[in-house]
Amino acid sequence: MEIKNLDWKIESAKELKWANAEKTRIDCVVKFEHFDEEIPFTINPNDSYQHSLDLWAAATAGEYGAVADYVTPPKSDFDALMENYQNQFGGNFSLDKI
Protein backbone atom coordinates (compact mmCIF):
# COMPACT_ATOMS: atom_id res chain seq x y z
CA MET A 1 0.00 0.00 0.00
CA GLU A 2 1.27 3.43 -0.91
CA ILE A 3 1.32 5.92 1.96
CA LYS A 4 0.19 9.38 0.85
CA ASN A 5 1.72 12.41 2.54
CA LEU A 6 -0.42 15.53 2.37
CA ASP A 7 1.87 17.25 4.90
CA TRP A 8 -1.01 17.87 7.32
CA LYS A 9 0.42 19.13 10.61
CA ILE A 10 -1.34 17.96 13.77
CA GLU A 11 -1.64 20.66 16.41
CA SER A 12 -3.62 18.67 18.97
CA ALA A 13 -5.95 15.74 19.51
CA LYS A 14 -8.44 15.13 22.30
CA GLU A 15 -11.49 13.10 23.33
CA LEU A 16 -9.90 9.86 22.18
CA LYS A 17 -12.09 6.77 22.47
CA TRP A 18 -12.06 3.34 20.92
CA ALA A 19 -14.54 3.30 18.04
CA ASN A 20 -15.05 -0.46 18.10
CA ALA A 21 -14.71 -3.39 20.49
CA GLU A 22 -11.81 -4.82 18.48
CA LYS A 23 -9.75 -1.68 19.17
CA THR A 24 -8.82 -1.17 15.54
CA ARG A 25 -10.20 2.38 15.23
CA ILE A 26 -10.05 5.46 17.45
CA ASP A 27 -12.49 8.36 17.29
CA CYS A 28 -11.07 11.72 18.34
CA VAL A 29 -11.23 15.45 17.80
CA VAL A 30 -8.21 16.85 15.96
CA LYS A 31 -6.90 20.32 15.26
CA PHE A 32 -4.87 20.41 12.07
CA GLU A 33 -2.73 23.45 11.36
CA HIS A 34 -4.49 24.28 8.08
CA PHE A 35 -8.05 24.14 9.49
CA ASP A 36 -9.51 26.95 11.59
CA GLU A 37 -11.52 24.56 13.76
CA GLU A 38 -11.13 21.19 15.41
CA ILE A 39 -12.75 18.36 13.49
CA PRO A 40 -14.04 14.90 14.43
CA PHE A 41 -11.66 12.30 13.05
CA THR A 42 -11.35 8.50 13.05
CA ILE A 43 -7.97 6.83 12.78
CA ASN A 44 -6.80 3.26 12.22
CA PRO A 45 -3.38 1.61 11.91
CA ASN A 46 -3.94 0.64 8.26
CA ASP A 47 -4.74 4.07 6.85
CA SER A 48 -3.08 5.21 3.64
CA TYR A 49 -2.42 8.78 4.83
CA GLN A 50 0.68 9.65 6.80
CA HIS A 51 -1.09 12.12 9.13
CA SER A 52 -3.50 9.38 10.20
CA LEU A 53 -0.67 6.93 10.82
CA ASP A 54 1.21 9.57 12.83
CA LEU A 55 -1.94 10.27 14.83
CA TRP A 56 -2.45 6.53 15.49
CA ALA A 57 1.14 6.10 16.68
CA ALA A 58 0.93 9.10 19.01
CA ALA A 59 -2.53 8.18 20.31
CA THR A 60 -1.63 4.56 21.09
CA ALA A 61 1.59 5.74 22.74
CA GLY A 62 -0.45 7.92 25.09
CA GLU A 63 0.76 11.26 23.77
CA TYR A 64 -2.78 12.67 23.85
CA GLY A 65 -3.82 10.96 27.06
CA ALA A 66 -5.64 7.70 27.61
CA VAL A 67 -7.96 6.28 24.97
CA ALA A 68 -11.39 5.84 26.54
CA ASP A 69 -13.00 2.42 26.48
CA TYR A 70 -15.39 1.43 23.74
CA VAL A 71 -19.02 1.78 24.77
CA THR A 72 -21.54 -0.42 23.01
CA PRO A 73 -24.25 1.81 21.58
CA PRO A 74 -27.75 1.26 22.94
CA LYS A 75 -30.05 -0.92 20.88
CA SER A 76 -32.43 0.86 18.57
CA ASP A 77 -36.14 0.42 19.18
CA PHE A 78 -36.27 -1.84 16.12
CA ASP A 79 -33.39 -4.04 17.35
CA ALA A 80 -35.02 -4.35 20.79
CA LEU A 81 -38.34 -5.29 19.16
CA MET A 82 -36.66 -7.91 16.95
CA GLU A 83 -34.83 -9.39 19.95
CA ASN A 84 -38.13 -9.58 21.84
CA TYR A 85 -39.76 -11.44 18.95
CA GLN A 86 -36.77 -13.77 18.63
CA ASN A 87 -37.18 -14.63 22.30
CA GLN A 88 -40.94 -15.17 21.92
CA PHE A 89 -40.47 -17.54 18.98
CA GLY A 90 -37.47 -19.39 20.42
CA GLY A 91 -35.07 -17.94 17.87
CA ASN A 92 -37.27 -19.07 14.96
CA PHE A 93 -38.60 -15.73 13.83
CA SER A 94 -38.96 -13.83 10.59
CA LEU A 95 -40.72 -10.58 9.77
CA ASP A 96 -43.57 -12.46 8.06
CA LYS A 97 -44.66 -13.73 11.52
CA ILE A 98 -45.59 -10.24 12.74
PDB file of N, CA and C in Angstrom:
ATOM      1  N   MET A   1       0.840  -1.177   0.000  1.00  0.00           N
ATOM      2  CA  MET A   1       0.000   0.000   0.000  1.00  0.00           C
ATOM      3  C   MET A   1       0.890   1.247   0.000  1.00  0.00           C
ATOM      4  N   GLU A   2       0.541   2.171  -0.843  1.00  0.00           N
ATOM      5  CA  GLU A   2       1.266   3.435  -0.908  1.00  0.00           C
ATOM      6  C   GLU A   2       0.753   4.386   0.168  1.00  0.00           C
ATOM      7  N   ILE A   3       1.679   4.949   0.937  1.00  0.00           N
ATOM      8  CA  ILE A   3       1.321   5.920   1.963  1.00  0.00           C
ATOM      9  C   ILE A   3       1.383   7.316   1.340  1.00  0.00           C
ATOM     10  N   LYS A   4       0.274   8.035   1.424  1.00  0.00           N
ATOM     11  CA  LYS A   4       0.194   9.383   0.854  1.00  0.00           C
ATOM     12  C   LYS A   4       0.530  10.408   1.928  1.00  0.00           C
ATOM     13  N   ASN A   5       1.341  11.370   1.595  1.00  0.00           N
ATOM     14  CA  ASN A   5       1.722  12.407   2.540  1.00  0.00           C
ATOM     15  C   ASN A   5       1.199  13.756   2.049  1.00  0.00           C
ATOM     16  N   LEU A   6       0.162  14.241   2.714  1.00  0.00           N
ATOM     17  CA  LEU A   6      -0.419  15.534   2.373  1.00  0.00           C
ATOM     18  C   LEU A   6       0.222  16.659   3.174  1.00  0.00           C
ATOM     19  N   ASP A   7       1.156  16.299   4.038  1.00  0.00           N
ATOM     20  CA  ASP A   7       1.867  17.252   4.897  1.00  0.00           C
ATOM     21  C   ASP A   7       0.922  17.997   5.831  1.00  0.00           C
ATOM     22  N   TRP A   8      -0.095  17.284   6.338  1.00  0.00           N
ATOM     23  CA  TRP A   8      -1.007  17.869   7.323  1.00  0.00           C
ATOM     24  C   TRP A   8      -0.324  17.858   8.685  1.00  0.00           C
ATOM     25  N   LYS A   9      -0.204  19.002   9.291  1.00  0.00           N
ATOM     26  CA  LYS A   9       0.425  19.130  10.612  1.00  0.00           C
ATOM     27  C   LYS A   9      -0.641  19.040  11.702  1.00  0.00           C
ATOM     28  N   ILE A  10      -0.411  18.162  12.654  1.00  0.00           N
ATOM     29  CA  ILE A  10      -1.341  17.960  13.767  1.00  0.00           C
ATOM     30  C   ILE A  10      -0.958  18.912  14.887  1.00  0.00           C
ATOM     31  N   GLU A  11      -1.891  19.766  15.281  1.00  0.00           N
ATOM     32  CA  GLU A  11      -1.636  20.664  16.406  1.00  0.00           C
ATOM     33  C   GLU A  11      -2.038  20.018  17.722  1.00  0.00           C
ATOM     34  N   SER A  12      -3.170  19.312  17.726  1.00  0.00           N
ATOM     35  CA  SER A  12      -3.622  18.669  18.966  1.00  0.00           C
ATOM     36  C   SER A  12      -4.662  17.609  18.641  1.00  0.00           C
ATOM     37  N   ALA A  13      -4.886  16.748  19.603  1.00  0.00           N
ATOM     38  CA  ALA A  13      -5.947  15.737  19.511  1.00  0.00           C
ATOM     39  C   ALA A  13      -6.498  15.537  20.922  1.00  0.00           C
ATOM     40  N   LYS A  14      -7.804  15.311  20.997  1.00  0.00           N
ATOM     41  CA  LYS A  14      -8.435  15.129  22.303  1.00  0.00           C
ATOM     42  C   LYS A  14      -9.657  14.235  22.151  1.00  0.00           C
ATOM     43  N   GLU A  15     -10.270  13.905  23.283  1.00  0.00           N
ATOM     44  CA  GLU A  15     -11.492  13.105  23.334  1.00  0.00           C
ATOM     45  C   GLU A  15     -11.320  11.772  22.602  1.00  0.00           C
ATOM     46  N   LEU A  16     -10.176  11.134  22.832  1.00  0.00           N
ATOM     47  CA  LEU A  16      -9.898   9.858  22.184  1.00  0.00           C
ATOM     48  C   LEU A  16     -10.723   8.753  22.823  1.00  0.00           C
ATOM     49  N   LYS A  17     -11.340   7.924  21.981  1.00  0.00           N
ATOM     50  CA  LYS A  17     -12.095   6.771  22.470  1.00  0.00           C
ATOM     51  C   LYS A  17     -12.075   5.691  21.403  1.00  0.00           C
ATOM     52  N   TRP A  18     -12.028   4.455  21.857  1.00  0.00           N
ATOM     53  CA  TRP A  18     -12.056   3.336  20.921  1.00  0.00           C
ATOM     54  C   TRP A  18     -13.387   3.361  20.187  1.00  0.00           C
ATOM     55  N   ALA A  19     -13.343   3.236  18.865  1.00  0.00           N
ATOM     56  CA  ALA A  19     -14.545   3.304  18.038  1.00  0.00           C
ATOM     57  C   ALA A  19     -15.182   1.939  17.831  1.00  0.00           C
ATOM     58  N   ASN A  20     -14.481   0.879  18.229  1.00  0.00           N
ATOM     59  CA  ASN A  20     -15.046  -0.464  18.102  1.00  0.00           C
ATOM     60  C   ASN A  20     -14.460  -1.365  19.186  1.00  0.00           C
ATOM     61  N   ALA A  21     -15.132  -2.464  19.424  1.00  0.00           N
ATOM     62  CA  ALA A  21     -14.712  -3.389  20.487  1.00  0.00           C
ATOM     63  C   ALA A  21     -13.376  -4.061  20.164  1.00  0.00           C
ATOM     64  N   GLU A  22     -13.057  -4.174  18.890  1.00  0.00           N
ATOM     65  CA  GLU A  22     -11.807  -4.822  18.476  1.00  0.00           C
ATOM     66  C   GLU A  22     -10.579  -3.932  18.662  1.00  0.00           C
ATOM     67  N   LYS A  23     -10.802  -2.679  18.976  1.00  0.00           N
ATOM     68  CA  LYS A  23      -9.746  -1.683  19.175  1.00  0.00           C
ATOM     69  C   LYS A  23      -8.862  -1.529  17.932  1.00  0.00           C
ATOM     70  N   THR A  24      -9.535  -1.397  16.792  1.00  0.00           N
ATOM     71  CA  THR A  24      -8.817  -1.170  15.540  1.00  0.00           C
ATOM     72  C   THR A  24      -9.081   0.223  14.976  1.00  0.00           C
ATOM     73  N   ARG A  25      -9.921   1.011  15.645  1.00  0.00           N
ATOM     74  CA  ARG A  25     -10.204   2.383  15.234  1.00  0.00           C
ATOM     75  C   ARG A  25     -10.354   3.257  16.474  1.00  0.00           C
ATOM     76  N   ILE A  26      -9.923   4.489  16.363  1.00  0.00           N
ATOM     77  CA  ILE A  26     -10.054   5.460  17.446  1.00  0.00           C
ATOM     78  C   ILE A  26     -10.766   6.692  16.906  1.00  0.00           C
ATOM     79  N   ASP A  27     -11.831   7.094  17.589  1.00  0.00           N
ATOM     80  CA  ASP A  27     -12.494   8.362  17.294  1.00  0.00           C
ATOM     81  C   ASP A  27     -11.835   9.436  18.143  1.00  0.00           C
ATOM     82  N   CYS A  28     -11.681  10.616  17.591  1.00  0.00           N
ATOM     83  CA  CYS A  28     -11.075  11.720  18.336  1.00  0.00           C
ATOM     84  C   CYS A  28     -11.481  13.046  17.710  1.00  0.00           C
ATOM     85  N   VAL A  29     -11.045  14.103  18.333  1.00  0.00           N
ATOM     86  CA  VAL A  29     -11.233  15.453  17.802  1.00  0.00           C
ATOM     87  C   VAL A  29      -9.831  16.008  17.573  1.00  0.00           C
ATOM     88  N   VAL A  30      -9.570  16.441  16.340  1.00  0.00           N
ATOM     89  CA  VAL A  30      -8.214  16.845  15.960  1.00  0.00           C
ATOM     90  C   VAL A  30      -8.208  18.288  15.467  1.00  0.00           C
ATOM     91  N   LYS A  31      -7.140  18.982  15.804  1.00  0.00           N
ATOM     92  CA  LYS A  31      -6.896  20.316  15.260  1.00  0.00           C
ATOM     93  C   LYS A  31      -5.685  20.200  14.340  1.00  0.00           C
ATOM     94  N   PHE A  32      -5.946  20.368  13.049  1.00  0.00           N
ATOM     95  CA  PHE A  32      -4.870  20.408  12.067  1.00  0.00           C
ATOM     96  C   PHE A  32      -4.497  21.865  11.829  1.00  0.00           C
ATOM     97  N   GLU A  33      -3.244  22.095  11.553  1.00  0.00           N
ATOM     98  CA  GLU A  33      -2.727  23.454  11.358  1.00  0.00           C
ATOM     99  C   GLU A  33      -3.488  24.224  10.280  1.00  0.00           C
ATOM    100  N   HIS A  34      -3.886  23.585   9.214  1.00  0.00           N
ATOM    101  CA  HIS A  34      -4.490  24.276   8.075  1.00  0.00           C
ATOM    102  C   HIS A  34      -6.013  24.441   8.179  1.00  0.00           C
ATOM    103  N   PHE A  35      -6.626  23.940   9.250  1.00  0.00           N
ATOM    104  CA  PHE A  35      -8.051  24.145   9.485  1.00  0.00           C
ATOM    105  C   PHE A  35      -8.230  25.145  10.625  1.00  0.00           C
ATOM    106  N   ASP A  36      -9.248  25.983  10.527  1.00  0.00           N
ATOM    107  CA  ASP A  36      -9.513  26.955  11.587  1.00  0.00           C
ATOM    108  C   ASP A  36     -10.110  26.300  12.828  1.00  0.00           C
ATOM    109  N   GLU A  37     -10.820  25.206  12.644  1.00  0.00           N
ATOM    110  CA  GLU A  37     -11.519  24.562  13.758  1.00  0.00           C
ATOM    111  C   GLU A  37     -11.065  23.127  13.957  1.00  0.00           C
ATOM    112  N   GLU A  38     -11.346  22.606  15.136  1.00  0.00           N
ATOM    113  CA  GLU A  38     -11.126  21.189  15.407  1.00  0.00           C
ATOM    114  C   GLU A  38     -12.183  20.391  14.640  1.00  0.00           C
ATOM    115  N   ILE A  39     -11.808  19.190  14.229  1.00  0.00           N
ATOM    116  CA  ILE A  39     -12.747  18.358  13.485  1.00  0.00           C
ATOM    117  C   ILE A  39     -12.796  16.953  14.080  1.00  0.00           C
ATOM    118  N   PRO A  40     -13.965  16.298  14.027  1.00  0.00           N
ATOM    119  CA  PRO A  40     -14.043  14.898  14.428  1.00  0.00           C
ATOM    120  C   PRO A  40     -13.246  14.073  13.418  1.00  0.00           C
ATOM    121  N   PHE A  41     -12.563  13.059  13.906  1.00  0.00           N
ATOM    122  CA  PHE A  41     -11.664  12.297  13.048  1.00  0.00           C
ATOM    123  C   PHE A  41     -11.595  10.868  13.565  1.00  0.00           C
ATOM    124  N   THR A  42     -11.529   9.915  12.671  1.00  0.00           N
ATOM    125  CA  THR A  42     -11.353   8.503  13.046  1.00  0.00           C
ATOM    126  C   THR A  42     -10.054   8.015  12.433  1.00  0.00           C
ATOM    127  N   ILE A  43      -9.267   7.332  13.245  1.00  0.00           N
ATOM    128  CA  ILE A  43      -7.967   6.826  12.777  1.00  0.00           C
ATOM    129  C   ILE A  43      -7.911   5.312  12.932  1.00  0.00           C
ATOM    130  N   ASN A  44      -7.051   4.700  12.112  1.00  0.00           N
ATOM    131  CA  ASN A  44      -6.795   3.263  12.218  1.00  0.00           C
ATOM    132  C   ASN A  44      -5.361   2.998  11.785  1.00  0.00           C
ATOM    133  N   PRO A  45      -4.798   1.868  12.198  1.00  0.00           N
ATOM    134  CA  PRO A  45      -3.383   1.612  11.914  1.00  0.00           C
ATOM    135  C   PRO A  45      -3.096   1.226  10.470  1.00  0.00           C
ATOM    136  N   ASN A  46      -4.127   1.060   9.651  1.00  0.00           N
ATOM    137  CA  ASN A  46      -3.939   0.640   8.258  1.00  0.00           C
ATOM    138  C   ASN A  46      -4.320   1.733   7.261  1.00  0.00           C
ATOM    139  N   ASP A  47      -4.354   2.964   7.713  1.00  0.00           N
ATOM    140  CA  ASP A  47      -4.738   4.068   6.846  1.00  0.00           C
ATOM    141  C   ASP A  47      -3.667   4.290   5.775  1.00  0.00           C
ATOM    142  N   SER A  48      -4.036   4.951   4.712  1.00  0.00           N
ATOM    143  CA  SER A  48      -3.078   5.213   3.637  1.00  0.00           C
ATOM    144  C   SER A  48      -2.544   6.645   3.664  1.00  0.00           C
ATOM    145  N   TYR A  49      -2.899   7.412   4.703  1.00  0.00           N
ATOM    146  CA  TYR A  49      -2.419   8.783   4.827  1.00  0.00           C
ATOM    147  C   TYR A  49      -1.474   8.910   6.020  1.00  0.00           C
ATOM    148  N   GLN A  50      -0.350   9.554   5.779  1.00  0.00           N
ATOM    149  CA  GLN A  50       0.681   9.654   6.803  1.00  0.00           C
ATOM    150  C   GLN A  50       0.190  10.364   8.065  1.00  0.00           C
ATOM    151  N   HIS A  51      -0.622  11.410   7.936  1.00  0.00           N
ATOM    152  CA  HIS A  51      -1.086  12.123   9.130  1.00  0.00           C
ATOM    153  C   HIS A  51      -1.946  11.212  10.011  1.00  0.00           C
ATOM    154  N   SER A  52      -2.706  10.320   9.411  1.00  0.00           N
ATOM    155  CA  SER A  52      -3.504   9.379  10.202  1.00  0.00           C
ATOM    156  C   SER A  52      -2.625   8.359  10.900  1.00  0.00           C
ATOM    157  N   LEU A  53      -1.603   7.884  10.209  1.00  0.00           N
ATOM    158  CA  LEU A  53      -0.673   6.928  10.823  1.00  0.00           C
ATOM    159  C   LEU A  53       0.104   7.586  11.960  1.00  0.00           C
ATOM    160  N   ASP A  54       0.512   8.835  11.768  1.00  0.00           N
ATOM    161  CA  ASP A  54       1.209   9.571  12.833  1.00  0.00           C
ATOM    162  C   ASP A  54       0.294   9.758  14.040  1.00  0.00           C
ATOM    163  N   LEU A  55      -0.954  10.088  13.767  1.00  0.00           N
ATOM    164  CA  LEU A  55      -1.936  10.266  14.835  1.00  0.00           C
ATOM    165  C   LEU A  55      -2.153   8.955  15.588  1.00  0.00           C
ATOM    166  N   TRP A  56      -2.261   7.843  14.867  1.00  0.00           N
ATOM    167  CA  TRP A  56      -2.445   6.527  15.487  1.00  0.00           C
ATOM    168  C   TRP A  56      -1.261   6.208  16.404  1.00  0.00           C
ATOM    169  N   ALA A  57      -0.057   6.401  15.890  1.00  0.00           N
ATOM    170  CA  ALA A  57       1.143   6.100  16.679  1.00  0.00           C
ATOM    171  C   ALA A  57       1.189   6.934  17.956  1.00  0.00           C
ATOM    172  N   ALA A  58       0.906   8.219  17.837  1.00  0.00           N
ATOM    173  CA  ALA A  58       0.931   9.100  19.007  1.00  0.00           C
ATOM    174  C   ALA A  58      -0.191   8.760  19.980  1.00  0.00           C
ATOM    175  N   ALA A  59      -1.377   8.481  19.446  1.00  0.00           N
ATOM    176  CA  ALA A  59      -2.527   8.175  20.307  1.00  0.00           C
ATOM    177  C   ALA A  59      -2.312   6.884  21.081  1.00  0.00           C
ATOM    178  N   THR A  60      -1.833   5.853  20.411  1.00  0.00           N
ATOM    179  CA  THR A  60      -1.632   4.562  21.087  1.00  0.00           C
ATOM    180  C   THR A  60      -0.416   4.588  22.012  1.00  0.00           C
ATOM    181  N   ALA A  61       0.451   5.568  21.830  1.00  0.00           N
ATOM    182  CA  ALA A  61       1.592   5.741  22.738  1.00  0.00           C
ATOM    183  C   ALA A  61       1.227   6.602  23.941  1.00  0.00           C
ATOM    184  N   GLY A  62       0.002   7.129  23.953  1.00  0.00           N
ATOM    185  CA  GLY A  62      -0.455   7.920  25.086  1.00  0.00           C
ATOM    186  C   GLY A  62      -0.110   9.391  25.021  1.00  0.00           C
ATOM    187  N   GLU A  63       0.349   9.860  23.882  1.00  0.00           N
ATOM    188  CA  GLU A  63       0.758  11.264  23.771  1.00  0.00           C
ATOM    189  C   GLU A  63      -0.391  12.250  23.923  1.00  0.00           C
ATOM    190  N   TYR A  64      -1.609  11.797  23.713  1.00  0.00           N
ATOM    191  CA  TYR A  64      -2.778  12.668  23.851  1.00  0.00           C
ATOM    192  C   TYR A  64      -3.644  12.251  25.035  1.00  0.00           C
ATOM    193  N   GLY A  65      -3.073  11.463  25.916  1.00  0.00           N
ATOM    194  CA  GLY A  65      -3.821  10.958  27.057  1.00  0.00           C
ATOM    195  C   GLY A  65      -4.358   9.561  26.779  1.00  0.00           C
ATOM    196  N   ALA A  66      -5.093   9.052  27.728  1.00  0.00           N
ATOM    197  CA  ALA A  66      -5.638   7.700  27.605  1.00  0.00           C
ATOM    198  C   ALA A  66      -6.746   7.656  26.563  1.00  0.00           C
ATOM    199  N   VAL A  67      -6.855   6.515  25.901  1.00  0.00           N
ATOM    200  CA  VAL A  67      -7.959   6.285  24.972  1.00  0.00           C
ATOM    201  C   VAL A  67      -9.099   5.672  25.783  1.00  0.00           C
ATOM    202  N   ALA A  68     -10.243   6.319  25.760  1.00  0.00           N
ATOM    203  CA  ALA A  68     -11.394   5.838  26.542  1.00  0.00           C
ATOM    204  C   ALA A  68     -11.888   4.509  25.982  1.00  0.00           C
ATOM    205  N   ASP A  69     -12.466   3.717  26.864  1.00  0.00           N
ATOM    206  CA  ASP A  69     -12.997   2.418  26.481  1.00  0.00           C
ATOM    207  C   ASP A  69     -14.111   2.546  25.455  1.00  0.00           C
ATOM    208  N   TYR A  70     -14.281   1.502  24.676  1.00  0.00           N
ATOM    209  CA  TYR A  70     -15.391   1.426  23.738  1.00  0.00           C
ATOM    210  C   TYR A  70     -16.678   1.219  24.525  1.00  0.00           C
ATOM    211  N   VAL A  71     -17.715   1.923  24.137  1.00  0.00           N
ATOM    212  CA  VAL A  71     -19.022   1.779  24.766  1.00  0.00           C
ATOM    213  C   VAL A  71     -19.986   1.281  23.700  1.00  0.00           C
ATOM    214  N   THR A  72     -20.581   0.126  23.955  1.00  0.00           N
ATOM    215  CA  THR A  72     -21.540  -0.425  23.011  1.00  0.00           C
ATOM    216  C   THR A  72     -22.740   0.508  22.925  1.00  0.00           C
ATOM    217  N   PRO A  73     -23.103   0.915  21.694  1.00  0.00           N
ATOM    218  CA  PRO A  73     -24.251   1.814  21.576  1.00  0.00           C
ATOM    219  C   PRO A  73     -25.533   1.119  22.006  1.00  0.00           C
ATOM    220  N   PRO A  74     -26.489   1.874  22.523  1.00  0.00           N
ATOM    221  CA  PRO A  74     -27.751   1.256  22.937  1.00  0.00           C
ATOM    222  C   PRO A  74     -28.483   0.699  21.717  1.00  0.00           C
ATOM    223  N   LYS A  75     -29.274  -0.323  21.956  1.00  0.00           N
ATOM    224  CA  LYS A  75     -30.050  -0.920  20.876  1.00  0.00           C
ATOM    225  C   LYS A  75     -31.117   0.064  20.407  1.00  0.00           C
ATOM    226  N   SER A  76     -31.346   0.049  19.112  1.00  0.00           N
ATOM    227  CA  SER A  76     -32.429   0.857  18.573  1.00  0.00           C
ATOM    228  C   SER A  76     -33.750   0.214  18.975  1.00  0.00           C
ATOM    229  N   ASP A  77     -34.816   0.969  18.878  1.00  0.00           N
ATOM    230  CA  ASP A  77     -36.139   0.420  19.178  1.00  0.00           C
ATOM    231  C   ASP A  77     -36.430  -0.793  18.303  1.00  0.00           C
ATOM    232  N   PHE A  78     -36.034  -0.724  17.040  1.00  0.00           N
ATOM    233  CA  PHE A  78     -36.266  -1.840  16.120  1.00  0.00           C
ATOM    234  C   PHE A  78     -35.491  -3.077  16.561  1.00  0.00           C
ATOM    235  N   ASP A  79     -34.204  -2.904  16.910  1.00  0.00           N
ATOM    236  CA  ASP A  79     -33.394  -4.043  17.354  1.00  0.00           C
ATOM    237  C   ASP A  79     -33.962  -4.666  18.624  1.00  0.00           C
ATOM    238  N   ALA A  80     -34.423  -3.832  19.554  1.00  0.00           N
ATOM    239  CA  ALA A  80     -35.019  -4.348  20.792  1.00  0.00           C
ATOM    240  C   ALA A  80     -36.295  -5.125  20.478  1.00  0.00           C
ATOM    241  N   LEU A  81     -37.108  -4.616  19.559  1.00  0.00           N
ATOM    242  CA  LEU A  81     -38.338  -5.294  19.159  1.00  0.00           C
ATOM    243  C   LEU A  81     -38.022  -6.643  18.510  1.00  0.00           C
ATOM    244  N   MET A  82     -37.049  -6.663  17.619  1.00  0.00           N
ATOM    245  CA  MET A  82     -36.664  -7.914  16.953  1.00  0.00           C
ATOM    246  C   MET A  82     -36.129  -8.928  17.963  1.00  0.00           C
ATOM    247  N   GLU A  83     -35.345  -8.478  18.920  1.00  0.00           N
ATOM    248  CA  GLU A  83     -34.832  -9.385  19.951  1.00  0.00           C
ATOM    249  C   GLU A  83     -35.984  -9.962  20.773  1.00  0.00           C
ATOM    250  N   ASN A  84     -36.957  -9.128  21.101  1.00  0.00           N
ATOM    251  CA  ASN A  84     -38.128  -9.579  21.839  1.00  0.00           C
ATOM    252  C   ASN A  84     -38.869 -10.673  21.059  1.00  0.00           C
ATOM    253  N   TYR A  85     -39.083 -10.441  19.768  1.00  0.00           N
ATOM    254  CA  TYR A  85     -39.764 -11.444  18.947  1.00  0.00           C
ATOM    255  C   TYR A  85     -38.940 -12.720  18.820  1.00  0.00           C
ATOM    256  N   GLN A  86     -37.626 -12.579  18.689  1.00  0.00           N
ATOM    257  CA  GLN A  86     -36.767 -13.773  18.630  1.00  0.00           C
ATOM    258  C   GLN A  86     -36.936 -14.601  19.900  1.00  0.00           C
ATOM    259  N   ASN A  87     -36.997 -13.936  21.032  1.00  0.00           N
ATOM    260  CA  ASN A  87     -37.184 -14.632  22.304  1.00  0.00           C
ATOM    261  C   ASN A  87     -38.563 -15.297  22.369  1.00  0.00           C
ATOM    262  N   GLN A  88     -39.581 -14.610  21.897  1.00  0.00           N
ATOM    263  CA  GLN A  88     -40.939 -15.166  21.920  1.00  0.00           C
ATOM    264  C   GLN A  88     -41.070 -16.410  21.047  1.00  0.00           C
ATOM    265  N   PHE A  89     -40.361 -16.423  19.933  1.00  0.00           N
ATOM    266  CA  PHE A  89     -40.466 -17.535  18.985  1.00  0.00           C
ATOM    267  C   PHE A  89     -39.299 -18.512  19.103  1.00  0.00           C
ATOM    268  N   GLY A  90     -38.571 -18.448  20.200  1.00  0.00           N
ATOM    269  CA  GLY A  90     -37.474 -19.386  20.419  1.00  0.00           C
ATOM    270  C   GLY A  90     -36.379 -19.298  19.371  1.00  0.00           C
ATOM    271  N   GLY A  91     -36.130 -18.122  18.866  1.00  0.00           N
ATOM    272  CA  GLY A  91     -35.074 -17.936  17.872  1.00  0.00           C
ATOM    273  C   GLY A  91     -35.528 -18.225  16.458  1.00  0.00           C
ATOM    274  N   ASN A  92     -36.742 -18.745  16.292  1.00  0.00           N
ATOM    275  CA  ASN A  92     -37.266 -19.070  14.961  1.00  0.00           C
ATOM    276  C   ASN A  92     -38.261 -17.995  14.564  1.00  0.00           C
ATOM    277  N   PHE A  93     -37.747 -16.868  14.124  1.00  0.00           N
ATOM    278  CA  PHE A  93     -38.604 -15.729  13.835  1.00  0.00           C
ATOM    279  C   PHE A  93     -38.209 -15.088  12.516  1.00  0.00           C
ATOM    280  N   SER A  94     -39.199 -14.654  11.769  1.00  0.00           N
ATOM    281  CA  SER A  94     -38.960 -13.832  10.589  1.00  0.00           C
ATOM    282  C   SER A  94     -40.037 -12.752  10.567  1.00  0.00           C
ATOM    283  N   LEU A  95     -39.795 -11.714   9.798  1.00  0.00           N
ATOM    284  CA  LEU A  95     -40.724 -10.583   9.766  1.00  0.00           C
ATOM    285  C   LEU A  95     -42.114 -10.988   9.301  1.00  0.00           C
ATOM    286  N   ASP A  96     -42.253 -12.062   8.528  1.00  0.00           N
ATOM    287  CA  ASP A  96     -43.565 -12.461   8.064  1.00  0.00           C
ATOM    288  C   ASP A  96     -44.443 -13.027   9.187  1.00  0.00           C
ATOM    289  N   LYS A  97     -43.880 -13.219  10.381  1.00  0.00           N
ATOM    290  CA  LYS A  97     -44.663 -13.726  11.522  1.00  0.00           C
ATOM    291  C   LYS A  97     -45.301 -12.595  12.329  1.00  0.00           C
ATOM    292  N   ILE A  98     -45.016 -11.373  12.001  1.00  0.00           N
ATOM    293  CA  ILE A  98     -45.588 -10.241  12.738  1.00  0.00           C
ATOM    294  C   ILE A  98     -47.016 -10.042  12.286  1.00  0.00           C
TER     295      ILE A  98
END
